[in-house]
Amino acid sequence: MKNISFGLSVLRPVRFLIVVFTCALLIFSNAFPAAAIGTKQSSPQKATDQLLETQKETDKATAKPPLGLEETTRKANEGLNEVQGAADLNKMNRPENSQSAVSAEDKVESFLEKITGKK
C-alpha cells in the first residue's frame, strides 16, 4: 500500500503540469482563432466588388418570377450556381484542380510509416 500511495504522490506535479498546459491551450485557442487563417490577405476592394456584383444578380433574380428549368440549368452551367456565376471559381477546390492534393488518409499513412520505419 505504501508503494501505491508514494506513486500517486509523485504524479501530483505531473498532473498539475498537464492541467496548466491544457488551460493555457484552451485560453490561446480561444484568444487567437484567426491565427489559423494565416497572414495572406486579399484586396478588400476586390472582395467588395465581387460581393456587390453577386448582390446585383441576387436582386435581379428575386425581382423576377421563379426561373424555369431550362433557364436555371443554363445559368447554373455558367458557373457554380445561377446567382453566383463563376465568381472565385479558380480559387475553389474541385476535382479538376485538386489532382495533386494529398488526402488526410494518405498523410496519416505516411506519418505512421515514418514512425514505424516501414515503407
PDB file of N, CA and C in Angstrom:
ATOM      1  N   MET A   1       0.808  -1.193   0.000  1.00  0.00           N
ATOM      2  CA  MET A   1       0.000   0.000   0.000  1.00  0.00           C
ATOM      3  C   MET A   1       0.854   1.261   0.000  1.00  0.00           C
ATOM      4  N   LYS A   2       2.015   1.176   0.659  1.00  0.00           N
ATOM      5  CA  LYS A   2       2.874   2.346   0.711  1.00  0.00           C
ATOM      6  C   LYS A   2       3.393   2.707  -0.680  1.00  0.00           C
ATOM      7  N   ASN A   3       3.680   1.695  -1.494  1.00  0.00           N
ATOM      8  CA  ASN A   3       4.185   1.946  -2.839  1.00  0.00           C
ATOM      9  C   ASN A   3       3.142   2.661  -3.703  1.00  0.00           C
ATOM     10  N   ILE A   4       1.893   2.273  -3.556  1.00  0.00           N
ATOM     11  CA  ILE A   4       0.831   2.896  -4.345  1.00  0.00           C
ATOM     12  C   ILE A   4       0.657   4.357  -3.938  1.00  0.00           C
ATOM     13  N   SER A   5       0.625   4.613  -2.644  1.00  0.00           N
ATOM     14  CA  SER A   5       0.449   5.999  -2.189  1.00  0.00           C
ATOM     15  C   SER A   5       1.656   6.848  -2.568  1.00  0.00           C
ATOM     16  N   PHE A   6       2.862   6.268  -2.540  1.00  0.00           N
ATOM     17  CA  PHE A   6       4.056   7.003  -2.939  1.00  0.00           C
ATOM     18  C   PHE A   6       4.000   7.317  -4.443  1.00  0.00           C
ATOM     19  N   GLY A   7       3.569   6.334  -5.240  1.00  0.00           N
ATOM     20  CA  GLY A   7       3.467   6.536  -6.684  1.00  0.00           C
ATOM     21  C   GLY A   7       2.461   7.608  -7.044  1.00  0.00           C
ATOM     22  N   LEU A   8       1.335   7.664  -6.339  1.00  0.00           N
ATOM     23  CA  LEU A   8       0.325   8.684  -6.600  1.00  0.00           C
ATOM     24  C   LEU A   8       0.806  10.063  -6.178  1.00  0.00           C
ATOM     25  N   SER A   9       1.560  10.149  -5.101  1.00  0.00           N
ATOM     26  CA  SER A   9       2.058  11.452  -4.662  1.00  0.00           C
ATOM     27  C   SER A   9       3.110  11.985  -5.627  1.00  0.00           C
ATOM     28  N   VAL A  10       3.846  11.101  -6.287  1.00  0.00           N
ATOM     29  CA  VAL A  10       4.841  11.534  -7.268  1.00  0.00           C
ATOM     30  C   VAL A  10       4.155  12.102  -8.510  1.00  0.00           C
ATOM     31  N   LEU A  11       2.984  11.606  -8.830  1.00  0.00           N
ATOM     32  CA  LEU A  11       2.276  12.042 -10.039  1.00  0.00           C
ATOM     33  C   LEU A  11       1.573  13.391  -9.873  1.00  0.00           C
ATOM     34  N   ARG A  12       1.455  13.911  -8.663  1.00  0.00           N
ATOM     35  CA  ARG A  12       0.762  15.185  -8.460  1.00  0.00           C
ATOM     36  C   ARG A  12       1.381  16.333  -9.245  1.00  0.00           C
ATOM     37  N   PRO A  13       2.678  16.531  -9.225  1.00  0.00           N
ATOM     38  CA  PRO A  13       3.235  17.636 -10.040  1.00  0.00           C
ATOM     39  C   PRO A  13       2.997  17.440 -11.533  1.00  0.00           C
ATOM     40  N   VAL A  14       3.063  16.207 -11.983  1.00  0.00           N
ATOM     41  CA  VAL A  14       2.820  15.932 -13.402  1.00  0.00           C
ATOM     42  C   VAL A  14       1.368  16.244 -13.747  1.00  0.00           C
ATOM     43  N   ARG A  15       0.468  15.840 -12.898  1.00  0.00           N
ATOM     44  CA  ARG A  15      -0.949  16.110 -13.112  1.00  0.00           C
ATOM     45  C   ARG A  15      -1.194  17.621 -13.130  1.00  0.00           C
ATOM     46  N   PHE A  16      -0.532  18.349 -12.228  1.00  0.00           N
ATOM     47  CA  PHE A  16      -0.654  19.801 -12.188  1.00  0.00           C
ATOM     48  C   PHE A  16      -0.146  20.416 -13.493  1.00  0.00           C
ATOM     49  N   LEU A  17       0.985  19.951 -13.998  1.00  0.00           N
ATOM     50  CA  LEU A  17       1.531  20.476 -15.257  1.00  0.00           C
ATOM     51  C   LEU A  17       0.594  20.196 -16.429  1.00  0.00           C
ATOM     52  N   ILE A  18      -0.017  19.032 -16.448  1.00  0.00           N
ATOM     53  CA  ILE A  18      -0.955  18.689 -17.522  1.00  0.00           C
ATOM     54  C   ILE A  18      -2.166  19.622 -17.479  1.00  0.00           C
ATOM     55  N   VAL A  19      -2.664  19.910 -16.281  1.00  0.00           N
ATOM     56  CA  VAL A  19      -3.817  20.806 -16.140  1.00  0.00           C
ATOM     57  C   VAL A  19      -3.437  22.217 -16.583  1.00  0.00           C
ATOM     58  N   VAL A  20      -2.262  22.695 -16.187  1.00  0.00           N
ATOM     59  CA  VAL A  20      -1.815  24.034 -16.574  1.00  0.00           C
ATOM     60  C   VAL A  20      -1.649  24.117 -18.091  1.00  0.00           C
ATOM     61  N   PHE A  21      -1.032  23.111 -18.697  1.00  0.00           N
ATOM     62  CA  PHE A  21      -0.845  23.096 -20.150  1.00  0.00           C
ATOM     63  C   PHE A  21      -2.192  23.095 -20.871  1.00  0.00           C
ATOM     64  N   THR A  22      -3.142  22.308 -20.392  1.00  0.00           N
ATOM     65  CA  THR A  22      -4.461  22.239 -21.024  1.00  0.00           C
ATOM     66  C   THR A  22      -5.191  23.576 -20.911  1.00  0.00           C
ATOM     67  N   CYS A  23      -5.109  24.200 -19.750  1.00  0.00           N
ATOM     68  CA  CYS A  23      -5.752  25.509 -19.581  1.00  0.00           C
ATOM     69  C   CYS A  23      -5.126  26.551 -20.509  1.00  0.00           C
ATOM     70  N   ALA A  24      -3.798  26.549 -20.602  1.00  0.00           N
ATOM     71  CA  ALA A  24      -3.124  27.500 -21.484  1.00  0.00           C
ATOM     72  C   ALA A  24      -3.518  27.261 -22.934  1.00  0.00           C
ATOM     73  N   LEU A  25      -3.612  26.012 -23.326  1.00  0.00           N
ATOM     74  CA  LEU A  25      -4.017  25.677 -24.686  1.00  0.00           C
ATOM     75  C   LEU A  25      -5.429  26.182 -24.970  1.00  0.00           C
ATOM     76  N   LEU A  26      -6.345  25.999 -24.043  1.00  0.00           N
ATOM     77  CA  LEU A  26      -7.715  26.479 -24.236  1.00  0.00           C
ATOM     78  C   LEU A  26      -7.773  27.998 -24.316  1.00  0.00           C
ATOM     79  N   ILE A  27      -7.007  28.665 -23.479  1.00  0.00           N
ATOM     80  CA  ILE A  27      -7.013  30.136 -23.492  1.00  0.00           C
ATOM     81  C   ILE A  27      -6.471  30.663 -24.812  1.00  0.00           C
ATOM     82  N   PHE A  28      -5.344  30.120 -25.274  1.00  0.00           N
ATOM     83  CA  PHE A  28      -4.760  30.609 -26.522  1.00  0.00           C
ATOM     84  C   PHE A  28      -5.604  30.242 -27.735  1.00  0.00           C
ATOM     85  N   SER A  29      -6.240  29.081 -27.712  1.00  0.00           N
ATOM     86  CA  SER A  29      -7.065  28.712 -28.861  1.00  0.00           C
ATOM     87  C   SER A  29      -8.312  29.587 -28.945  1.00  0.00           C
ATOM     88  N   ASN A  30      -8.814  30.053 -27.816  1.00  0.00           N
ATOM     89  CA  ASN A  30      -9.955  30.970 -27.841  1.00  0.00           C
ATOM     90  C   ASN A  30      -9.533  32.396 -28.136  1.00  0.00           C
ATOM     91  N   ALA A  31      -8.342  32.770 -27.732  1.00  0.00           N
ATOM     92  CA  ALA A  31      -7.898  34.148 -27.907  1.00  0.00           C
ATOM     93  C   ALA A  31      -7.407  34.421 -29.319  1.00  0.00           C
ATOM     94  N   PHE A  32      -6.866  33.429 -29.994  1.00  0.00           N
ATOM     95  CA  PHE A  32      -6.264  33.640 -31.309  1.00  0.00           C
ATOM     96  C   PHE A  32      -6.816  32.685 -32.365  1.00  0.00           C
ATOM     97  N   PRO A  33      -8.121  32.622 -32.576  1.00  0.00           N
ATOM     98  CA  PRO A  33      -8.639  31.693 -33.581  1.00  0.00           C
ATOM     99  C   PRO A  33      -8.294  32.103 -35.002  1.00  0.00           C
ATOM    100  N   ALA A  34      -8.094  33.383 -35.239  1.00  0.00           N
ATOM    101  CA  ALA A  34      -7.801  33.845 -36.590  1.00  0.00           C
ATOM    102  C   ALA A  34      -6.362  33.550 -36.998  1.00  0.00           C
ATOM    103  N   ALA A  35      -5.527  33.137 -36.091  1.00  0.00           N
ATOM    104  CA  ALA A  35      -4.142  32.827 -36.435  1.00  0.00           C
ATOM    105  C   ALA A  35      -4.062  31.616 -37.360  1.00  0.00           C
ATOM    106  N   ALA A  36      -5.080  30.780 -37.342  1.00  0.00           N
ATOM    107  CA  ALA A  36      -5.091  29.602 -38.213  1.00  0.00           C
ATOM    108  C   ALA A  36      -5.277  29.991 -39.675  1.00  0.00           C
ATOM    109  N   ILE A  37      -5.817  31.153 -39.944  1.00  0.00           N
ATOM    110  CA  ILE A  37      -6.069  31.587 -41.307  1.00  0.00           C
ATOM    111  C   ILE A  37      -4.773  31.899 -42.032  1.00  0.00           C
ATOM    112  N   GLY A  38      -3.825  32.459 -41.338  1.00  0.00           N
ATOM    113  CA  GLY A  38      -2.569  32.838 -41.959  1.00  0.00           C
ATOM    114  C   GLY A  38      -2.506  34.341 -42.169  1.00  0.00           C
ATOM    115  N   THR A  39      -1.462  34.775 -42.825  1.00  0.00           N
ATOM    116  CA  THR A  39      -1.259  36.213 -42.987  1.00  0.00           C
ATOM    117  C   THR A  39      -1.605  36.705 -44.387  1.00  0.00           C
ATOM    118  N   LYS A  40      -1.900  35.819 -45.314  1.00  0.00           N
ATOM    119  CA  LYS A  40      -2.226  36.224 -46.681  1.00  0.00           C
ATOM    120  C   LYS A  40      -3.611  36.871 -46.699  1.00  0.00           C
ATOM    121  N   GLN A  41      -3.669  38.098 -47.197  1.00  0.00           N
ATOM    122  CA  GLN A  41      -4.933  38.799 -47.260  1.00  0.00           C
ATOM    123  C   GLN A  41      -5.167  39.281 -48.682  1.00  0.00           C
ATOM    124  N   SER A  42      -6.426  39.279 -49.063  1.00  0.00           N
ATOM    125  CA  SER A  42      -6.762  39.766 -50.392  1.00  0.00           C
ATOM    126  C   SER A  42      -7.142  41.238 -50.305  1.00  0.00           C
ATOM    127  N   SER A  43      -7.300  41.821 -51.448  1.00  0.00           N
ATOM    128  CA  SER A  43      -7.664  43.228 -51.513  1.00  0.00           C
ATOM    129  C   SER A  43      -9.118  43.404 -51.079  1.00  0.00           C
ATOM    130  N   PRO A  44      -9.374  44.261 -50.097  1.00  0.00           N
ATOM    131  CA  PRO A  44     -10.764  44.472 -49.666  1.00  0.00           C
ATOM    132  C   PRO A  44     -11.628  45.048 -50.783  1.00  0.00           C
ATOM    133  N   GLN A  45     -11.044  45.875 -51.637  1.00  0.00           N
ATOM    134  CA  GLN A  45     -11.814  46.473 -52.730  1.00  0.00           C
ATOM    135  C   GLN A  45     -12.280  45.394 -53.712  1.00  0.00           C
ATOM    136  N   LYS A  46     -11.399  44.455 -54.020  1.00  0.00           N
ATOM    137  CA  LYS A  46     -11.743  43.381 -54.949  1.00  0.00           C
ATOM    138  C   LYS A  46     -12.859  42.509 -54.382  1.00  0.00           C
ATOM    139  N   ALA A  47     -12.762  42.197 -53.099  1.00  0.00           N
ATOM    140  CA  ALA A  47     -13.792  41.382 -52.462  1.00  0.00           C
ATOM    141  C   ALA A  47     -15.123  42.124 -52.430  1.00  0.00           C
ATOM    142  N   THR A  48     -15.077  43.409 -52.163  1.00  0.00           N
ATOM    143  CA  THR A  48     -16.305  44.206 -52.125  1.00  0.00           C
ATOM    144  C   THR A  48     -16.956  44.255 -53.498  1.00  0.00           C
ATOM    145  N   ASP A  49     -16.160  44.417 -54.544  1.00  0.00           N
ATOM    146  CA  ASP A  49     -16.702  44.443 -55.902  1.00  0.00           C
ATOM    147  C   ASP A  49     -17.387  43.128 -56.245  1.00  0.00           C
ATOM    148  N   GLN A  50     -16.767  42.018 -55.864  1.00  0.00           N
ATOM    149  CA  GLN A  50     -17.368  40.713 -56.145  1.00  0.00           C
ATOM    150  C   GLN A  50     -18.682  40.541 -55.393  1.00  0.00           C
ATOM    151  N   LEU A  51     -18.708  40.976 -54.136  1.00  0.00           N
ATOM    152  CA  LEU A  51     -19.941  40.864 -53.361  1.00  0.00           C
ATOM    153  C   LEU A  51     -21.041  41.743 -53.925  1.00  0.00           C
ATOM    154  N   LEU A  52     -20.683  42.937 -54.373  1.00  0.00           N
ATOM    155  CA  LEU A  52     -21.689  43.825 -54.950  1.00  0.00           C
ATOM    156  C   LEU A  52     -22.260  43.246 -56.236  1.00  0.00           C
ATOM    157  N   GLU A  53     -21.409  42.641 -57.051  1.00  0.00           N
ATOM    158  CA  GLU A  53     -21.886  42.017 -58.284  1.00  0.00           C
ATOM    159  C   GLU A  53     -22.819  40.847 -57.968  1.00  0.00           C
ATOM    160  N   THR A  54     -22.457  40.050 -56.991  1.00  0.00           N
ATOM    161  CA  THR A  54     -23.317  38.938 -56.581  1.00  0.00           C
ATOM    162  C   THR A  54     -24.635  39.465 -56.026  1.00  0.00           C
ATOM    163  N   GLN A  55     -24.582  40.553 -55.269  1.00  0.00           N
ATOM    164  CA  GLN A  55     -25.804  41.148 -54.724  1.00  0.00           C
ATOM    165  C   GLN A  55     -26.704  41.669 -55.840  1.00  0.00           C
ATOM    166  N   LYS A  56     -26.134  42.270 -56.873  1.00  0.00           N
ATOM    167  CA  LYS A  56     -26.939  42.748 -58.011  1.00  0.00           C
ATOM    168  C   LYS A  56     -27.653  41.586 -58.690  1.00  0.00           C
ATOM    169  N   GLU A  57     -26.934  40.495 -58.893  1.00  0.00           N
ATOM    170  CA  GLU A  57     -27.545  39.324 -59.527  1.00  0.00           C
ATOM    171  C   GLU A  57     -28.645  38.744 -58.648  1.00  0.00           C
ATOM    172  N   THR A  58     -28.425  38.755 -57.341  1.00  0.00           N
ATOM    173  CA  THR A  58     -29.446  38.255 -56.417  1.00  0.00           C
ATOM    174  C   THR A  58     -30.687  39.130 -56.467  1.00  0.00           C
ATOM    175  N   ASP A  59     -30.487  40.442 -56.499  1.00  0.00           N
ATOM    176  CA  ASP A  59     -31.623  41.354 -56.577  1.00  0.00           C
ATOM    177  C   ASP A  59     -32.419  41.141 -57.863  1.00  0.00           C
ATOM    178  N   LYS A  60     -31.707  40.936 -58.971  1.00  0.00           N
ATOM    179  CA  LYS A  60     -32.387  40.673 -60.244  1.00  0.00           C
ATOM    180  C   LYS A  60     -33.196  39.383 -60.172  1.00  0.00           C
ATOM    181  N   ALA A  61     -32.587  38.350 -59.564  1.00  0.00           N
ATOM    182  CA  ALA A  61     -33.253  37.049 -59.501  1.00  0.00           C
ATOM    183  C   ALA A  61     -34.491  37.093 -58.614  1.00  0.00           C
ATOM    184  N   THR A  62     -34.447  37.878 -57.540  1.00  0.00           N
ATOM    185  CA  THR A  62     -35.602  37.936 -56.645  1.00  0.00           C
ATOM    186  C   THR A  62     -36.706  38.853 -57.164  1.00  0.00           C
ATOM    187  N   ALA A  63     -36.383  39.786 -58.051  1.00  0.00           N
ATOM    188  CA  ALA A  63     -37.397  40.691 -58.590  1.00  0.00           C
ATOM    189  C   ALA A  63     -38.270  40.004 -59.629  1.00  0.00           C
ATOM    190  N   LYS A  64     -37.737  38.981 -60.270  1.00  0.00           N
ATOM    191  CA  LYS A  64     -38.465  38.266 -61.313  1.00  0.00           C
ATOM    192  C   LYS A  64     -39.227  37.088 -60.704  1.00  0.00           C
ATOM    193  N   PRO A  65     -40.178  36.552 -61.453  1.00  0.00           N
ATOM    194  CA  PRO A  65     -40.804  35.303 -61.005  1.00  0.00           C
ATOM    195  C   PRO A  65     -39.773  34.168 -61.039  1.00  0.00           C
ATOM    196  N   PRO A  66     -40.043  33.060 -60.380  1.00  0.00           N
ATOM    197  CA  PRO A  66     -39.073  31.962 -60.341  1.00  0.00           C
ATOM    198  C   PRO A  66     -38.651  31.519 -61.744  1.00  0.00           C
ATOM    199  N   LEU A  67     -37.372  31.182 -61.876  1.00  0.00           N
ATOM    200  CA  LEU A  67     -36.831  30.756 -63.165  1.00  0.00           C
ATOM    201  C   LEU A  67     -37.378  29.391 -63.553  1.00  0.00           C
ATOM    202  N   GLY A  68     -37.502  29.183 -64.852  1.00  0.00           N
ATOM    203  CA  GLY A  68     -37.910  27.881 -65.346  1.00  0.00           C
ATOM    204  C   GLY A  68     -36.732  26.917 -65.315  1.00  0.00           C
ATOM    205  N   LEU A  69     -36.989  25.668 -65.588  1.00  0.00           N
ATOM    206  CA  LEU A  69     -35.960  24.630 -65.532  1.00  0.00           C
ATOM    207  C   LEU A  69     -34.849  24.889 -66.539  1.00  0.00           C
ATOM    208  N   GLU A  70     -35.208  25.276 -67.758  1.00  0.00           N
ATOM    209  CA  GLU A  70     -34.194  25.488 -68.790  1.00  0.00           C
ATOM    210  C   GLU A  70     -33.284  26.662 -68.438  1.00  0.00           C
ATOM    211  N   GLU A  71     -33.879  27.756 -67.979  1.00  0.00           N
ATOM    212  CA  GLU A  71     -33.076  28.933 -67.642  1.00  0.00           C
ATOM    213  C   GLU A  71     -32.201  28.675 -66.412  1.00  0.00           C
ATOM    214  N   THR A  72     -32.735  27.971 -65.428  1.00  0.00           N
ATOM    215  CA  THR A  72     -31.944  27.632 -64.243  1.00  0.00           C
ATOM    216  C   THR A  72     -30.768  26.753 -64.615  1.00  0.00           C
ATOM    217  N   THR A  73     -30.998  25.772 -65.462  1.00  0.00           N
ATOM    218  CA  THR A  73     -29.922  24.872 -65.893  1.00  0.00           C
ATOM    219  C   THR A  73     -28.867  25.638 -66.677  1.00  0.00           C
ATOM    220  N   ARG A  74     -29.304  26.526 -67.567  1.00  0.00           N
ATOM    221  CA  ARG A  74     -28.359  27.300 -68.364  1.00  0.00           C
ATOM    222  C   ARG A  74     -27.498  28.191 -67.478  1.00  0.00           C
ATOM    223  N   LYS A  75     -28.117  28.903 -66.541  1.00  0.00           N
ATOM    224  CA  LYS A  75     -27.364  29.793 -65.656  1.00  0.00           C
ATOM    225  C   LYS A  75     -26.475  29.011 -64.699  1.00  0.00           C
ATOM    226  N   ALA A  76     -26.940  27.868 -64.230  1.00  0.00           N
ATOM    227  CA  ALA A  76     -26.131  27.065 -63.306  1.00  0.00           C
ATOM    228  C   ALA A  76     -24.908  26.496 -64.004  1.00  0.00           C
ATOM    229  N   ASN A  77     -25.024  26.209 -65.293  1.00  0.00           N
ATOM    230  CA  ASN A  77     -23.886  25.671 -66.048  1.00  0.00           C
ATOM    231  C   ASN A  77     -22.837  26.733 -66.361  1.00  0.00           C
ATOM    232  N   GLU A  78     -23.178  27.998 -66.200  1.00  0.00           N
ATOM    233  CA  GLU A  78     -22.211  29.065 -66.431  1.00  0.00           C
ATOM    234  C   GLU A  78     -21.180  29.145 -65.316  1.00  0.00           C
ATOM    235  N   GLY A  79     -21.512  28.666 -64.147  1.00  0.00           N
ATOM    236  CA  GLY A  79     -20.585  28.759 -63.013  1.00  0.00           C
ATOM    237  C   GLY A  79     -21.004  27.836 -61.897  1.00  0.00           C
ATOM    238  N   LEU A  80     -20.865  28.313 -60.669  1.00  0.00           N
ATOM    239  CA  LEU A  80     -21.184  27.493 -59.506  1.00  0.00           C
ATOM    240  C   LEU A  80     -22.677  27.302 -59.327  1.00  0.00           C
ATOM    241  N   ASN A  81     -23.436  28.373 -59.489  1.00  0.00           N
ATOM    242  CA  ASN A  81     -24.889  28.310 -59.407  1.00  0.00           C
ATOM    243  C   ASN A  81     -25.466  29.472 -60.201  1.00  0.00           C
ATOM    244  N   GLU A  82     -26.788  29.583 -60.253  1.00  0.00           N
ATOM    245  CA  GLU A  82     -27.381  30.590 -61.126  1.00  0.00           C
ATOM    246  C   GLU A  82     -27.182  32.009 -60.622  1.00  0.00           C
ATOM    247  N   VAL A  83     -26.902  32.234 -59.357  1.00  0.00           N
ATOM    248  CA  VAL A  83     -26.708  33.590 -58.850  1.00  0.00           C
ATOM    249  C   VAL A  83     -25.232  33.950 -58.799  1.00  0.00           C
ATOM    250  N   GLN A  84     -24.415  33.084 -58.242  1.00  0.00           N
ATOM    251  CA  GLN A  84     -23.005  33.416 -58.054  1.00  0.00           C
ATOM    252  C   GLN A  84     -22.212  33.392 -59.350  1.00  0.00           C
ATOM    253  N   GLY A  85     -22.632  32.612 -60.288  1.00  0.00           N
ATOM    254  CA  GLY A  85     -21.918  32.538 -61.557  1.00  0.00           C
ATOM    255  C   GLY A  85     -20.549  31.923 -61.386  1.00  0.00           C
ATOM    256  N   ALA A  86     -19.551  32.503 -62.026  1.00  0.00           N
ATOM    257  CA  ALA A  86     -18.201  31.953 -61.978  1.00  0.00           C
ATOM    258  C   ALA A  86     -17.297  32.735 -61.027  1.00  0.00           C
ATOM    259  N   ALA A  87     -17.870  33.482 -60.076  1.00  0.00           N
ATOM    260  CA  ALA A  87     -17.063  34.264 -59.142  1.00  0.00           C
ATOM    261  C   ALA A  87     -16.203  33.341 -58.292  1.00  0.00           C
ATOM    262  N   ASP A  88     -14.926  33.638 -58.225  1.00  0.00           N
ATOM    263  CA  ASP A  88     -13.944  32.879 -57.434  1.00  0.00           C
ATOM    264  C   ASP A  88     -13.887  31.403 -57.817  1.00  0.00           C
ATOM    265  N   LEU A  89     -14.238  31.079 -59.023  1.00  0.00           N
ATOM    266  CA  LEU A  89     -14.245  29.684 -59.447  1.00  0.00           C
ATOM    267  C   LEU A  89     -12.852  29.078 -59.410  1.00  0.00           C
ATOM    268  N   ASN A  90     -11.834  29.865 -59.751  1.00  0.00           N
ATOM    269  CA  ASN A  90     -10.469  29.334 -59.766  1.00  0.00           C
ATOM    270  C   ASN A  90      -9.887  29.172 -58.371  1.00  0.00           C
ATOM    271  N   LYS A  91     -10.471  29.813 -57.372  1.00  0.00           N
ATOM    272  CA  LYS A  91      -9.973  29.706 -56.010  1.00  0.00           C
ATOM    273  C   LYS A  91     -10.542  28.496 -55.276  1.00  0.00           C
ATOM    274  N   MET A  92     -11.603  27.908 -55.790  1.00  0.00           N
ATOM    275  CA  MET A  92     -12.260  26.805 -55.099  1.00  0.00           C
ATOM    276  C   MET A  92     -11.659  25.473 -55.510  1.00  0.00           C
ATOM    277  N   ASN A  93     -11.636  24.557 -54.551  1.00  0.00           N
ATOM    278  CA  ASN A  93     -11.098  23.228 -54.817  1.00  0.00           C
ATOM    279  C   ASN A  93     -12.166  22.365 -55.480  1.00  0.00           C
ATOM    280  N   ARG A  94     -11.799  21.816 -56.620  1.00  0.00           N
ATOM    281  CA  ARG A  94     -12.664  20.917 -57.370  1.00  0.00           C
ATOM    282  C   ARG A  94     -11.815  19.740 -57.817  1.00  0.00           C
ATOM    283  N   PRO A  95     -12.411  18.663 -58.266  1.00  0.00           N
ATOM    284  CA  PRO A  95     -11.602  17.529 -58.743  1.00  0.00           C
ATOM    285  C   PRO A  95     -10.669  17.898 -59.886  1.00  0.00           C
ATOM    286  N   GLU A  96     -11.075  18.877 -60.723  1.00  0.00           N
ATOM    287  CA  GLU A  96     -10.234  19.246 -61.858  1.00  0.00           C
ATOM    288  C   GLU A  96      -8.929  19.914 -61.429  1.00  0.00           C
ATOM    289  N   ASN A  97      -8.949  20.696 -60.340  1.00  0.00           N
ATOM    290  CA  ASN A  97      -7.742  21.406 -59.934  1.00  0.00           C
ATOM    291  C   ASN A  97      -7.119  20.831 -58.661  1.00  0.00           C
ATOM    292  N   SER A  98      -7.557  19.664 -58.233  1.00  0.00           N
ATOM    293  CA  SER A  98      -7.043  19.073 -56.996  1.00  0.00           C
ATOM    294  C   SER A  98      -6.381  17.720 -57.229  1.00  0.00           C
ATOM    295  N   GLN A  99      -5.844  17.507 -58.410  1.00  0.00           N
ATOM    296  CA  GLN A  99      -5.248  16.208 -58.710  1.00  0.00           C
ATOM    297  C   GLN A  99      -3.999  15.937 -57.884  1.00  0.00           C
ATOM    298  N   SER A 100      -3.264  16.980 -57.521  1.00  0.00           N
ATOM    299  CA  SER A 100      -2.035  16.779 -56.755  1.00  0.00           C
ATOM    300  C   SER A 100      -2.279  16.858 -55.250  1.00  0.00           C
ATOM    301  N   ALA A 101      -3.511  17.012 -54.826  1.00  0.00           N
ATOM    302  CA  ALA A 101      -3.815  17.122 -53.398  1.00  0.00           C
ATOM    303  C   ALA A 101      -3.604  15.776 -52.711  1.00  0.00           C
ATOM    304  N   VAL A 102      -3.167  15.841 -51.467  1.00  0.00           N
ATOM    305  CA  VAL A 102      -2.934  14.636 -50.668  1.00  0.00           C
ATOM    306  C   VAL A 102      -4.067  14.539 -49.660  1.00  0.00           C
ATOM    307  N   SER A 103      -4.706  13.385 -49.599  1.00  0.00           N
ATOM    308  CA  SER A 103      -5.825  13.214 -48.681  1.00  0.00           C
ATOM    309  C   SER A 103      -5.312  13.059 -47.255  1.00  0.00           C
ATOM    310  N   ALA A 104      -6.219  13.251 -46.307  1.00  0.00           N
ATOM    311  CA  ALA A 104      -5.859  13.117 -44.898  1.00  0.00           C
ATOM    312  C   ALA A 104      -5.434  11.674 -44.604  1.00  0.00           C
ATOM    313  N   GLU A 105      -6.081  10.725 -45.255  1.00  0.00           N
ATOM    314  CA  GLU A 105      -5.730   9.322 -45.063  1.00  0.00           C
ATOM    315  C   GLU A 105      -4.293   9.045 -45.511  1.00  0.00           C
ATOM    316  N   ASP A 106      -3.909   9.622 -46.652  1.00  0.00           N
ATOM    317  CA  ASP A 106      -2.536   9.438 -47.139  1.00  0.00           C
ATOM    318  C   ASP A 106      -1.518  10.093 -46.210  1.00  0.00           C
ATOM    319  N   LYS A 107      -1.862  11.262 -45.674  1.00  0.00           N
ATOM    320  CA  LYS A 107      -0.959  11.943 -44.750  1.00  0.00           C
ATOM    321  C   LYS A 107      -0.742  11.115 -43.487  1.00  0.00           C
ATOM    322  N   VAL A 108      -1.833  10.571 -42.935  1.00  0.00           N
ATOM    323  CA  VAL A 108      -1.723   9.755 -41.723  1.00  0.00           C
ATOM    324  C   VAL A 108      -0.931   8.494 -42.011  1.00  0.00           C
ATOM    325  N   GLU A 109      -1.196   7.897 -43.163  1.00  0.00           N
ATOM    326  CA  GLU A 109      -0.487   6.670 -43.530  1.00  0.00           C
ATOM    327  C   GLU A 109       1.017   6.910 -43.661  1.00  0.00           C
ATOM    328  N   SER A 110       1.403   8.008 -44.306  1.00  0.00           N
ATOM    329  CA  SER A 110       2.826   8.294 -44.457  1.00  0.00           C
ATOM    330  C   SER A 110       3.456   8.650 -43.112  1.00  0.00           C
ATOM    331  N   PHE A 111       2.707   9.325 -42.249  1.00  0.00           N
ATOM    332  CA  PHE A 111       3.205   9.645 -40.912  1.00  0.00           C
ATOM    333  C   PHE A 111       3.449   8.375 -40.115  1.00  0.00           C
ATOM    334  N   LEU A 112       2.497   7.445 -40.167  1.00  0.00           N
ATOM    335  CA  LEU A 112       2.657   6.188 -39.436  1.00  0.00           C
ATOM    336  C   LEU A 112       3.811   5.365 -40.009  1.00  0.00           C
ATOM    337  N   GLU A 113       4.010   5.421 -41.310  1.00  0.00           N
ATOM    338  CA  GLU A 113       5.136   4.715 -41.915  1.00  0.00           C
ATOM    339  C   GLU A 113       6.464   5.313 -41.449  1.00  0.00           C
ATOM    340  N   LYS A 114       6.522   6.626 -41.303  1.00  0.00           N
ATOM    341  CA  LYS A 114       7.733   7.265 -40.815  1.00  0.00           C
ATOM    342  C   LYS A 114       8.016   6.879 -39.375  1.00  0.00           C
ATOM    343  N   ILE A 115       6.975   6.805 -38.565  1.00  0.00           N
ATOM    344  CA  ILE A 115       7.151   6.465 -37.151  1.00  0.00           C
ATOM    345  C   ILE A 115       7.607   5.019 -36.993  1.00  0.00           C
ATOM    346  N   THR A 116       6.935   4.124 -37.707  1.00  0.00           N
ATOM    347  CA  THR A 116       7.253   2.710 -37.549  1.00  0.00           C
ATOM    348  C   THR A 116       8.479   2.287 -38.343  1.00  0.00           C
ATOM    349  N   GLY A 117       8.901   3.098 -39.288  1.00  0.00           N
ATOM    350  CA  GLY A 117      10.064   2.757 -40.080  1.00  0.00           C
ATOM    351  C   GLY A 117       9.758   1.820 -41.238  1.00  0.00           C
ATOM    352  N   LYS A 118       8.502   1.547 -41.471  1.00  0.00           N
ATOM    353  CA  LYS A 118       8.099   0.668 -42.579  1.00  0.00           C
ATOM    354  C   LYS A 118       7.801   1.533 -43.811  1.00  0.00           C
ATOM    355  N   LYS A 119       8.192   1.016 -44.963  1.00  0.00           N
ATOM    356  CA  LYS A 119       7.912   1.731 -46.207  1.00  0.00           C
ATOM    357  C   LYS A 119       7.514   0.781 -47.288  1.00  0.00           C
TER     358      LYS A 119
END
